[in-house]
Amino acid sequence: MKEAIIESWHNIKWIFVLFSLAAIGAMVLIGVAVALRSVTGIFLSILLLLVIMGFGFKRKKEMRDAGVL
């Protein structure tokens, strides 16, 4: 059991963890902008979220095509 847990940690693609945390941060920014009633902040946060998600999916495709995933 312990070996399986350790091996699963070695298989983590940390770049995707980073992308997901950045996307969560962008979603939090959307909430903050809504609370502040900042239309500009809302649009910029949504744009940031789309850019982060786009880079994440692009990176995943590149890694899949390279046979890394």
N, C-alpha and C. Protein backbone atom coordinates (compact mmCIF):
# COMPACT_ATOMS: atom_id res chain seq x y z
N MET A 1 0.83 -1.20 0.00
CA MET A 1 0.00 0.00 0.00
C MET A 1 0.87 1.27 0.00
N LYS A 2 1.86 1.27 0.89
CA LYS A 2 2.72 2.44 0.99
C LYS A 2 3.49 2.67 -0.31
N GLU A 3 3.93 1.58 -0.94
CA GLU A 3 4.67 1.70 -2.20
C GLU A 3 3.79 2.27 -3.30
N ALA A 4 2.50 1.89 -3.30
CA ALA A 4 1.58 2.40 -4.31
C ALA A 4 1.37 3.90 -4.15
N ILE A 5 1.29 4.35 -2.91
CA ILE A 5 1.12 5.78 -2.66
C ILE A 5 2.36 6.55 -3.10
N ILE A 6 3.52 6.01 -2.77
CA ILE A 6 4.77 6.68 -3.15
C ILE A 6 4.90 6.72 -4.67
N GLU A 7 4.55 5.60 -5.34
CA GLU A 7 4.65 5.57 -6.80
C GLU A 7 3.67 6.54 -7.44
N SER A 8 2.48 6.69 -6.85
CA SER A 8 1.51 7.62 -7.43
C SER A 8 2.01 9.06 -7.34
N TRP A 9 2.78 9.39 -6.30
CA TRP A 9 3.35 10.73 -6.19
C TRP A 9 4.40 10.98 -7.27
N HIS A 10 5.08 9.93 -7.70
CA HIS A 10 6.08 10.09 -8.74
C HIS A 10 5.45 10.31 -10.11
N ASN A 11 4.19 9.90 -10.26
CA ASN A 11 3.51 10.02 -11.55
C ASN A 11 2.76 11.33 -11.72
N ILE A 12 2.78 12.18 -10.71
CA ILE A 12 2.05 13.44 -10.79
C ILE A 12 2.74 14.37 -11.78
N LYS A 13 1.96 14.95 -12.67
CA LYS A 13 2.46 15.95 -13.60
C LYS A 13 2.26 17.31 -12.93
N TRP A 14 3.31 17.82 -12.31
CA TRP A 14 3.22 19.01 -11.48
C TRP A 14 2.81 20.25 -12.27
N ILE A 15 3.09 20.29 -13.57
CA ILE A 15 2.69 21.44 -14.37
C ILE A 15 1.17 21.57 -14.40
N PHE A 16 0.47 20.43 -14.38
CA PHE A 16 -0.99 20.47 -14.39
C PHE A 16 -1.54 20.89 -13.03
N VAL A 17 -0.84 20.55 -11.97
CA VAL A 17 -1.22 21.04 -10.64
C VAL A 17 -1.10 22.56 -10.61
N LEU A 18 -0.02 23.07 -11.19
CA LEU A 18 0.18 24.52 -11.25
C LEU A 18 -0.91 25.20 -12.07
N PHE A 19 -1.24 24.62 -13.24
CA PHE A 19 -2.31 25.19 -14.06
C PHE A 19 -3.64 25.18 -13.31
N SER A 20 -3.94 24.10 -12.61
CA SER A 20 -5.22 24.02 -11.90
C SER A 20 -5.28 25.03 -10.75
N LEU A 21 -4.18 25.20 -10.03
CA LEU A 21 -4.16 26.19 -8.95
C LEU A 21 -4.29 27.61 -9.50
N ALA A 22 -3.66 27.87 -10.64
CA ALA A 22 -3.79 29.19 -11.26
C ALA A 22 -5.23 29.42 -11.72
N ALA A 23 -5.88 28.38 -12.24
CA ALA A 23 -7.28 28.52 -12.66
C ALA A 23 -8.18 28.77 -11.45
N ILE A 24 -7.92 28.09 -10.35
CA ILE A 24 -8.69 28.34 -9.12
C ILE A 24 -8.50 29.78 -8.67
N GLY A 25 -7.27 30.27 -8.76
CA GLY A 25 -7.00 31.67 -8.40
C GLY A 25 -7.78 32.64 -9.28
N ALA A 26 -7.86 32.34 -10.57
CA ALA A 26 -8.62 33.20 -11.47
C ALA A 26 -10.11 33.17 -11.13
N MET A 27 -10.61 31.99 -10.74
CA MET A 27 -12.02 31.90 -10.34
C MET A 27 -12.28 32.69 -9.06
N VAL A 28 -11.33 32.66 -8.15
CA VAL A 28 -11.46 33.46 -6.93
C VAL A 28 -11.48 34.94 -7.28
N LEU A 29 -10.63 35.34 -8.23
CA LEU A 29 -10.61 36.74 -8.66
C LEU A 29 -11.95 37.16 -9.27
N ILE A 30 -12.61 36.24 -9.97
CA ILE A 30 -13.94 36.55 -10.51
C ILE A 30 -14.89 36.85 -9.36
N GLY A 31 -14.84 36.03 -8.32
CA GLY A 31 -15.70 36.26 -7.16
C GLY A 31 -15.40 37.58 -6.47
N VAL A 32 -14.13 37.91 -6.34
CA VAL A 32 -13.74 39.18 -5.72
C VAL A 32 -14.23 40.35 -6.56
N ALA A 33 -14.08 40.23 -7.88
CA ALA A 33 -14.52 41.30 -8.77
C ALA A 33 -16.04 41.47 -8.71
N VAL A 34 -16.77 40.37 -8.59
CA VAL A 34 -18.23 40.46 -8.46
C VAL A 34 -18.57 41.15 -7.15
N ALA A 35 -17.88 40.78 -6.07
CA ALA A 35 -18.15 41.40 -4.77
C ALA A 35 -17.85 42.89 -4.79
N LEU A 36 -16.84 43.28 -5.55
CA LEU A 36 -16.48 44.69 -5.65
C LEU A 36 -17.29 45.42 -6.71
N ARG A 37 -18.13 44.68 -7.42
CA ARG A 37 -18.97 45.21 -8.51
C ARG A 37 -18.12 45.89 -9.58
N SER A 38 -17.03 45.25 -9.91
CA SER A 38 -16.11 45.76 -10.92
C SER A 38 -16.31 44.98 -12.21
N VAL A 39 -16.99 45.59 -13.16
CA VAL A 39 -17.25 44.93 -14.44
C VAL A 39 -15.93 44.66 -15.17
N THR A 40 -15.04 45.62 -15.12
CA THR A 40 -13.73 45.45 -15.75
C THR A 40 -12.98 44.28 -15.12
N GLY A 41 -13.00 44.22 -13.80
CA GLY A 41 -12.34 43.12 -13.09
C GLY A 41 -12.93 41.77 -13.43
N ILE A 42 -14.25 41.73 -13.58
CA ILE A 42 -14.92 40.48 -13.94
C ILE A 42 -14.45 40.02 -15.31
N PHE A 43 -14.47 40.91 -16.29
CA PHE A 43 -14.06 40.54 -17.64
C PHE A 43 -12.59 40.15 -17.70
N LEU A 44 -11.74 40.89 -17.00
CA LEU A 44 -10.31 40.55 -17.00
C LEU A 44 -10.05 39.21 -16.32
N SER A 45 -10.78 38.93 -15.25
CA SER A 45 -10.61 37.66 -14.56
C SER A 45 -11.09 36.50 -15.41
N ILE A 46 -12.19 36.69 -16.12
CA ILE A 46 -12.68 35.64 -17.02
C ILE A 46 -11.68 35.42 -18.15
N LEU A 47 -11.14 36.51 -18.68
CA LEU A 47 -10.13 36.39 -19.73
C LEU A 47 -8.90 35.65 -19.21
N LEU A 48 -8.46 35.98 -18.01
CA LEU A 48 -7.33 35.29 -17.40
C LEU A 48 -7.61 33.80 -17.24
N LEU A 49 -8.81 33.46 -16.79
CA LEU A 49 -9.20 32.06 -16.64
C LEU A 49 -9.15 31.33 -17.98
N LEU A 50 -9.67 31.96 -19.02
CA LEU A 50 -9.67 31.33 -20.34
C LEU A 50 -8.24 31.12 -20.86
N VAL A 51 -7.38 32.09 -20.62
CA VAL A 51 -5.98 31.97 -21.05
C VAL A 51 -5.29 30.82 -20.31
N ILE A 52 -5.48 30.76 -19.01
CA ILE A 52 -4.85 29.70 -18.21
C ILE A 52 -5.36 28.33 -18.66
N MET A 53 -6.68 28.20 -18.82
CA MET A 53 -7.25 26.92 -19.25
C MET A 53 -6.75 26.56 -20.64
N GLY A 54 -6.67 27.55 -21.53
CA GLY A 54 -6.18 27.29 -22.87
C GLY A 54 -4.75 26.78 -22.88
N PHE A 55 -3.88 27.43 -22.10
CA PHE A 55 -2.49 26.97 -22.01
C PHE A 55 -2.41 25.56 -21.43
N GLY A 56 -3.26 25.28 -20.44
CA GLY A 56 -3.26 23.94 -19.84
C GLY A 56 -3.65 22.86 -20.84
N PHE A 57 -4.73 23.11 -21.59
CA PHE A 57 -5.16 22.12 -22.58
C PHE A 57 -4.15 21.99 -23.72
N LYS A 58 -3.54 23.12 -24.10
CA LYS A 58 -2.52 23.07 -25.15
C LYS A 58 -1.32 22.24 -24.70
N ARG A 59 -0.90 22.46 -23.47
CA ARG A 59 0.24 21.70 -22.92
C ARG A 59 -0.09 20.21 -22.84
N LYS A 60 -1.32 19.89 -22.44
CA LYS A 60 -1.72 18.49 -22.36
C LYS A 60 -1.69 17.83 -23.73
N LYS A 61 -2.16 18.54 -24.76
CA LYS A 61 -2.13 17.99 -26.12
C LYS A 61 -0.69 17.78 -26.58
N GLU A 62 0.18 18.75 -26.30
CA GLU A 62 1.58 18.62 -26.68
C GLU A 62 2.23 17.41 -26.01
N MET A 63 1.94 17.23 -24.73
CA MET A 63 2.52 16.10 -24.00
C MET A 63 1.95 14.77 -24.49
N ARG A 64 0.66 14.76 -24.82
CA ARG A 64 0.04 13.54 -25.34
C ARG A 64 0.64 13.19 -26.70
N ASP A 65 0.82 14.19 -27.55
CA ASP A 65 1.41 13.95 -28.87
C ASP A 65 2.86 13.48 -28.77
N ALA A 66 3.57 13.95 -27.74
CA ALA A 66 4.96 13.54 -27.55
C ALA A 66 5.07 12.17 -26.87
N GLY A 67 3.94 11.62 -26.44
CA GLY A 67 3.94 10.31 -25.80
C GLY A 67 4.31 10.33 -24.33
N VAL A 68 4.30 11.51 -23.72
CA VAL A 68 4.64 11.63 -22.31
C VAL A 68 3.46 11.24 -21.43
N LEU A 69 2.25 11.49 -21.88
CA LEU A 69 1.06 11.14 -21.10
C LEU A 69 0.55 9.77 -21.47
